[in-house]
Amino acid sequence: MSQSTKNETKALISLIACGIGSLTLGILICAAEENGVVKSFLNFYNPVGPLAGKTTFAVVAYVVSWFILSQVYSQKTLDFGKAIKTTFVLIGLGIVLSFPPVFMMFGSH
């Protein structure tokens, strides 16, 4: 595959960070179903429940991973194909982990 330009690298870093945020959300959904302590910890606002904490931490994971990847790859380029594949895998895992049949396997339902 082809190497990215500097601007493309910035965009690819953002996409990979989106994938990390998506995967974080999926993991937190499963963790909250499995563990009551995690579910309580993520409950920032009672009317919303643990969803507020899950989405907050997913956004934090995106921002932190975007910042770290930006620093690491500030003077480098990425392989376009590998970066896109990585993004799709991360987002795909996040989506799969957010489906009720999957996350309910982790809970005590």
N, C-alpha and C. Protein backbone atom coordinates (compact mmCIF):
# COMPACT_ATOMS: atom_id res chain seq x y z
N MET A 1 0.83 -1.19 0.00
CA MET A 1 0.00 0.00 0.00
C MET A 1 0.87 1.25 0.00
N SER A 2 0.24 2.36 -0.20
CA SER A 2 0.99 3.61 -0.30
C SER A 2 1.12 4.30 1.05
N GLN A 3 2.20 5.04 1.17
CA GLN A 3 2.43 5.82 2.38
C GLN A 3 1.60 7.10 2.29
N SER A 4 1.16 7.57 3.44
CA SER A 4 0.32 8.75 3.48
C SER A 4 1.16 10.02 3.49
N THR A 5 0.54 11.12 3.07
CA THR A 5 1.17 12.43 3.20
C THR A 5 0.96 12.91 4.64
N LYS A 6 1.53 14.04 4.97
CA LYS A 6 1.41 14.56 6.34
C LYS A 6 -0.05 14.84 6.71
N ASN A 7 -0.82 15.46 5.80
CA ASN A 7 -2.23 15.73 6.08
C ASN A 7 -3.05 14.45 6.14
N GLU A 8 -2.75 13.50 5.28
CA GLU A 8 -3.44 12.21 5.33
C GLU A 8 -3.13 11.49 6.63
N THR A 9 -1.89 11.60 7.10
CA THR A 9 -1.52 10.96 8.36
C THR A 9 -2.36 11.53 9.50
N LYS A 10 -2.56 12.83 9.51
CA LYS A 10 -3.40 13.44 10.55
C LYS A 10 -4.82 12.89 10.51
N ALA A 11 -5.37 12.74 9.31
CA ALA A 11 -6.71 12.19 9.17
C ALA A 11 -6.76 10.73 9.60
N LEU A 12 -5.74 9.96 9.22
CA LEU A 12 -5.70 8.54 9.60
C LEU A 12 -5.58 8.37 11.10
N ILE A 13 -4.81 9.24 11.73
CA ILE A 13 -4.69 9.20 13.19
C ILE A 13 -6.04 9.44 13.84
N SER A 14 -6.79 10.39 13.32
CA SER A 14 -8.11 10.67 13.84
C SER A 14 -9.05 9.48 13.66
N LEU A 15 -8.96 8.81 12.51
CA LEU A 15 -9.80 7.64 12.27
C LEU A 15 -9.45 6.49 13.22
N ILE A 16 -8.17 6.24 13.41
CA ILE A 16 -7.75 5.19 14.34
C ILE A 16 -8.22 5.51 15.75
N ALA A 17 -8.11 6.78 16.14
CA ALA A 17 -8.58 7.19 17.47
C ALA A 17 -10.09 6.98 17.61
N CYS A 18 -10.84 7.20 16.53
CA CYS A 18 -12.29 6.91 16.55
C CYS A 18 -12.52 5.42 16.80
N GLY A 19 -11.72 4.59 16.17
CA GLY A 19 -11.83 3.16 16.38
C GLY A 19 -11.53 2.78 17.82
N ILE A 20 -10.54 3.42 18.41
CA ILE A 20 -10.20 3.16 19.82
C ILE A 20 -11.34 3.58 20.72
N GLY A 21 -11.94 4.74 20.43
CA GLY A 21 -13.10 5.19 21.21
C GLY A 21 -14.27 4.23 21.08
N SER A 22 -14.51 3.73 19.88
CA SER A 22 -15.60 2.77 19.64
C SER A 22 -15.37 1.47 20.40
N LEU A 23 -14.16 0.97 20.34
CA LEU A 23 -13.82 -0.25 21.07
C LEU A 23 -13.95 -0.03 22.57
N THR A 24 -13.54 1.12 23.06
CA THR A 24 -13.67 1.43 24.48
C THR A 24 -15.14 1.40 24.90
N LEU A 25 -16.01 1.97 24.09
CA LEU A 25 -17.44 1.96 24.40
C LEU A 25 -17.95 0.52 24.47
N GLY A 26 -17.58 -0.31 23.51
CA GLY A 26 -18.01 -1.71 23.53
C GLY A 26 -17.52 -2.45 24.75
N ILE A 27 -16.27 -2.22 25.12
CA ILE A 27 -15.71 -2.88 26.31
C ILE A 27 -16.43 -2.42 27.56
N LEU A 28 -16.71 -1.13 27.66
CA LEU A 28 -17.40 -0.61 28.85
C LEU A 28 -18.84 -1.12 28.94
N ILE A 29 -19.49 -1.30 27.81
CA ILE A 29 -20.84 -1.87 27.81
C ILE A 29 -20.80 -3.27 28.41
N CYS A 30 -19.85 -4.08 27.95
CA CYS A 30 -19.72 -5.45 28.47
C CYS A 30 -19.31 -5.45 29.94
N ALA A 31 -18.40 -4.57 30.31
CA ALA A 31 -17.94 -4.51 31.70
C ALA A 31 -19.06 -4.10 32.64
N ALA A 32 -19.90 -3.17 32.22
CA ALA A 32 -21.02 -2.74 33.06
C ALA A 32 -22.06 -3.84 33.21
N GLU A 33 -22.22 -4.66 32.19
CA GLU A 33 -23.16 -5.77 32.28
C GLU A 33 -22.63 -6.88 33.19
N GLU A 34 -21.33 -7.04 33.19
CA GLU A 34 -20.72 -8.12 33.97
C GLU A 34 -20.54 -7.76 35.44
N ASN A 35 -20.23 -6.51 35.72
CA ASN A 35 -19.82 -6.14 37.06
C ASN A 35 -20.65 -4.97 37.58
N GLY A 36 -21.34 -5.20 38.68
CA GLY A 36 -22.18 -4.17 39.28
C GLY A 36 -21.39 -2.98 39.78
N VAL A 37 -20.15 -3.20 40.21
CA VAL A 37 -19.31 -2.09 40.69
C VAL A 37 -18.98 -1.16 39.52
N VAL A 38 -18.64 -1.72 38.37
CA VAL A 38 -18.35 -0.92 37.19
C VAL A 38 -19.60 -0.16 36.77
N LYS A 39 -20.74 -0.84 36.80
CA LYS A 39 -22.00 -0.20 36.42
C LYS A 39 -22.30 0.99 37.33
N SER A 40 -22.09 0.82 38.63
CA SER A 40 -22.30 1.92 39.57
C SER A 40 -21.30 3.05 39.36
N PHE A 41 -20.06 2.70 39.09
CA PHE A 41 -19.02 3.70 38.86
C PHE A 41 -19.35 4.56 37.63
N LEU A 42 -19.93 3.96 36.62
CA LEU A 42 -20.23 4.67 35.38
C LEU A 42 -21.53 5.47 35.45
N ASN A 43 -22.27 5.33 36.54
CA ASN A 43 -23.54 6.04 36.70
C ASN A 43 -23.28 7.44 37.23
N PHE A 44 -23.01 8.38 36.32
CA PHE A 44 -22.73 9.76 36.69
C PHE A 44 -23.99 10.55 36.98
N TYR A 45 -25.11 10.14 36.37
CA TYR A 45 -26.35 10.89 36.44
C TYR A 45 -27.50 9.89 36.41
N ASN A 46 -28.22 9.78 37.52
CA ASN A 46 -29.23 8.72 37.67
C ASN A 46 -30.25 8.61 36.55
N PRO A 47 -30.83 9.71 36.05
CA PRO A 47 -31.80 9.52 34.97
C PRO A 47 -31.23 8.86 33.72
N VAL A 48 -29.94 9.01 33.49
CA VAL A 48 -29.31 8.41 32.31
C VAL A 48 -28.72 7.05 32.64
N GLY A 49 -28.29 6.86 33.86
CA GLY A 49 -27.67 5.60 34.26
C GLY A 49 -26.22 5.52 33.81
N PRO A 50 -25.70 4.30 33.67
CA PRO A 50 -24.29 4.13 33.32
C PRO A 50 -23.94 4.56 31.89
N LEU A 51 -24.95 4.84 31.07
CA LEU A 51 -24.66 5.29 29.71
C LEU A 51 -23.83 6.57 29.70
N ALA A 52 -24.08 7.45 30.67
CA ALA A 52 -23.32 8.71 30.74
C ALA A 52 -21.84 8.43 30.94
N GLY A 53 -21.50 7.52 31.82
CA GLY A 53 -20.10 7.19 32.06
C GLY A 53 -19.46 6.46 30.89
N LYS A 54 -20.22 5.55 30.28
CA LYS A 54 -19.69 4.81 29.14
C LYS A 54 -19.30 5.75 28.01
N THR A 55 -20.20 6.64 27.66
CA THR A 55 -19.92 7.55 26.55
C THR A 55 -18.85 8.57 26.92
N THR A 56 -18.84 9.01 28.16
CA THR A 56 -17.80 9.95 28.60
C THR A 56 -16.42 9.33 28.47
N PHE A 57 -16.27 8.11 28.96
CA PHE A 57 -14.97 7.45 28.88
C PHE A 57 -14.59 7.10 27.44
N ALA A 58 -15.58 6.80 26.59
CA ALA A 58 -15.28 6.54 25.18
C ALA A 58 -14.73 7.80 24.50
N VAL A 59 -15.31 8.94 24.82
CA VAL A 59 -14.82 10.20 24.26
C VAL A 59 -13.43 10.52 24.80
N VAL A 60 -13.21 10.28 26.09
CA VAL A 60 -11.89 10.49 26.68
C VAL A 60 -10.86 9.58 26.01
N ALA A 61 -11.24 8.33 25.76
CA ALA A 61 -10.32 7.40 25.08
C ALA A 61 -9.98 7.90 23.68
N TYR A 62 -10.98 8.45 22.98
CA TYR A 62 -10.72 9.02 21.66
C TYR A 62 -9.72 10.17 21.75
N VAL A 63 -9.98 11.12 22.65
CA VAL A 63 -9.14 12.31 22.73
C VAL A 63 -7.71 11.95 23.16
N VAL A 64 -7.60 11.10 24.16
CA VAL A 64 -6.27 10.71 24.64
C VAL A 64 -5.51 9.94 23.57
N SER A 65 -6.17 8.99 22.92
CA SER A 65 -5.47 8.21 21.88
C SER A 65 -5.12 9.09 20.69
N TRP A 66 -6.00 10.02 20.34
CA TRP A 66 -5.69 10.95 19.25
C TRP A 66 -4.45 11.78 19.59
N PHE A 67 -4.39 12.28 20.83
CA PHE A 67 -3.25 13.09 21.25
C PHE A 67 -1.96 12.27 21.23
N ILE A 68 -2.00 11.08 21.79
CA ILE A 68 -0.80 10.23 21.85
C ILE A 68 -0.34 9.85 20.44
N LEU A 69 -1.28 9.40 19.60
CA LEU A 69 -0.91 9.03 18.23
C LEU A 69 -0.38 10.23 17.45
N SER A 70 -0.94 11.41 17.69
CA SER A 70 -0.45 12.62 17.02
C SER A 70 0.98 12.92 17.40
N GLN A 71 1.32 12.70 18.67
CA GLN A 71 2.68 12.95 19.12
C GLN A 71 3.65 11.91 18.56
N VAL A 72 3.22 10.65 18.57
CA VAL A 72 4.09 9.57 18.10
C VAL A 72 4.34 9.67 16.60
N TYR A 73 3.31 10.03 15.83
CA TYR A 73 3.43 10.06 14.38
C TYR A 73 3.54 11.47 13.82
N SER A 74 3.98 12.42 14.62
CA SER A 74 4.07 13.81 14.15
C SER A 74 5.05 13.99 13.00
N GLN A 75 6.09 13.21 12.96
CA GLN A 75 7.10 13.33 11.89
C GLN A 75 7.18 12.07 11.04
N LYS A 76 6.14 11.25 11.09
CA LYS A 76 6.15 9.99 10.35
C LYS A 76 4.93 9.92 9.45
N THR A 77 4.91 8.92 8.60
CA THR A 77 3.75 8.66 7.77
C THR A 77 3.22 7.27 8.10
N LEU A 78 1.98 7.04 7.75
CA LEU A 78 1.34 5.76 7.98
C LEU A 78 1.05 5.07 6.67
N ASP A 79 1.01 3.76 6.70
CA ASP A 79 0.56 2.99 5.56
C ASP A 79 -0.96 3.14 5.50
N PHE A 80 -1.46 3.72 4.41
CA PHE A 80 -2.88 4.04 4.28
C PHE A 80 -3.75 2.80 4.46
N GLY A 81 -3.42 1.73 3.78
CA GLY A 81 -4.23 0.51 3.85
C GLY A 81 -4.28 -0.09 5.23
N LYS A 82 -3.13 -0.17 5.88
CA LYS A 82 -3.08 -0.74 7.24
C LYS A 82 -3.87 0.12 8.22
N ALA A 83 -3.77 1.43 8.08
CA ALA A 83 -4.48 2.33 8.99
C ALA A 83 -5.99 2.18 8.82
N ILE A 84 -6.45 2.08 7.58
CA ILE A 84 -7.89 1.91 7.33
C ILE A 84 -8.37 0.56 7.85
N LYS A 85 -7.59 -0.50 7.61
CA LYS A 85 -7.96 -1.83 8.12
C LYS A 85 -8.02 -1.83 9.64
N THR A 86 -7.05 -1.20 10.29
CA THR A 86 -7.03 -1.11 11.75
C THR A 86 -8.28 -0.38 12.24
N THR A 87 -8.62 0.72 11.58
CA THR A 87 -9.80 1.48 11.96
C THR A 87 -11.06 0.62 11.86
N PHE A 88 -11.23 -0.07 10.74
CA PHE A 88 -12.42 -0.90 10.55
C PHE A 88 -12.50 -2.04 11.56
N VAL A 89 -11.37 -2.63 11.89
CA VAL A 89 -11.37 -3.71 12.88
C VAL A 89 -11.78 -3.16 14.25
N LEU A 90 -11.20 -2.04 14.65
CA LEU A 90 -11.53 -1.46 15.96
C LEU A 90 -13.00 -1.05 16.04
N ILE A 91 -13.50 -0.38 15.01
CA ILE A 91 -14.90 0.02 15.01
C ILE A 91 -15.81 -1.21 14.96
N GLY A 92 -15.44 -2.19 14.15
CA GLY A 92 -16.23 -3.42 14.08
C GLY A 92 -16.32 -4.14 15.41
N LEU A 93 -15.21 -4.24 16.12
CA LEU A 93 -15.24 -4.87 17.45
C LEU A 93 -16.11 -4.07 18.41
N GLY A 94 -16.00 -2.75 18.35
CA GLY A 94 -16.83 -1.91 19.21
C GLY A 94 -18.30 -2.10 18.94
N ILE A 95 -18.67 -2.20 17.66
CA ILE A 95 -20.08 -2.41 17.30
C ILE A 95 -20.55 -3.79 17.76
N VAL A 96 -19.76 -4.81 17.52
CA VAL A 96 -20.15 -6.17 17.92
C VAL A 96 -20.36 -6.22 19.44
N LEU A 97 -19.46 -5.63 20.20
CA LEU A 97 -19.59 -5.66 21.66
C LEU A 97 -20.79 -4.86 22.18
N SER A 98 -21.35 -3.99 21.35
CA SER A 98 -22.49 -3.19 21.79
C SER A 98 -23.83 -3.84 21.45
N PHE A 99 -23.85 -4.97 20.74
CA PHE A 99 -25.10 -5.66 20.43
C PHE A 99 -25.58 -6.44 21.65
N PRO A 100 -26.87 -6.34 21.99
CA PRO A 100 -27.39 -7.03 23.18
C PRO A 100 -27.09 -8.52 23.25
N PRO A 101 -27.20 -9.30 22.17
CA PRO A 101 -26.86 -10.72 22.32
C PRO A 101 -25.42 -10.95 22.77
N VAL A 102 -24.54 -10.05 22.40
CA VAL A 102 -23.13 -10.20 22.78
C VAL A 102 -22.92 -9.73 24.21
N PHE A 103 -23.33 -8.49 24.53
CA PHE A 103 -23.02 -7.99 25.88
C PHE A 103 -23.85 -8.68 26.95
N MET A 104 -24.98 -9.28 26.57
CA MET A 104 -25.77 -10.01 27.58
C MET A 104 -25.09 -11.32 27.98
N MET A 105 -24.17 -11.81 27.15
CA MET A 105 -23.41 -13.00 27.53
C MET A 105 -22.54 -12.71 28.74
N PHE A 106 -22.17 -11.44 28.94
CA PHE A 106 -21.31 -11.07 30.04
C PHE A 106 -22.08 -10.79 31.32
N GLY A 107 -23.37 -10.55 31.21
CA GLY A 107 -24.17 -10.19 32.37
C GLY A 107 -24.76 -11.39 33.07
N SER A 108 -25.48 -11.11 34.12
CA SER A 108 -26.13 -12.17 34.91
C SER A 108 -27.61 -12.22 34.58
N HIS A 109 -27.94 -12.24 33.27
CA HIS A 109 -29.34 -12.23 32.84
C HIS A 109 -29.85 -13.64 32.71
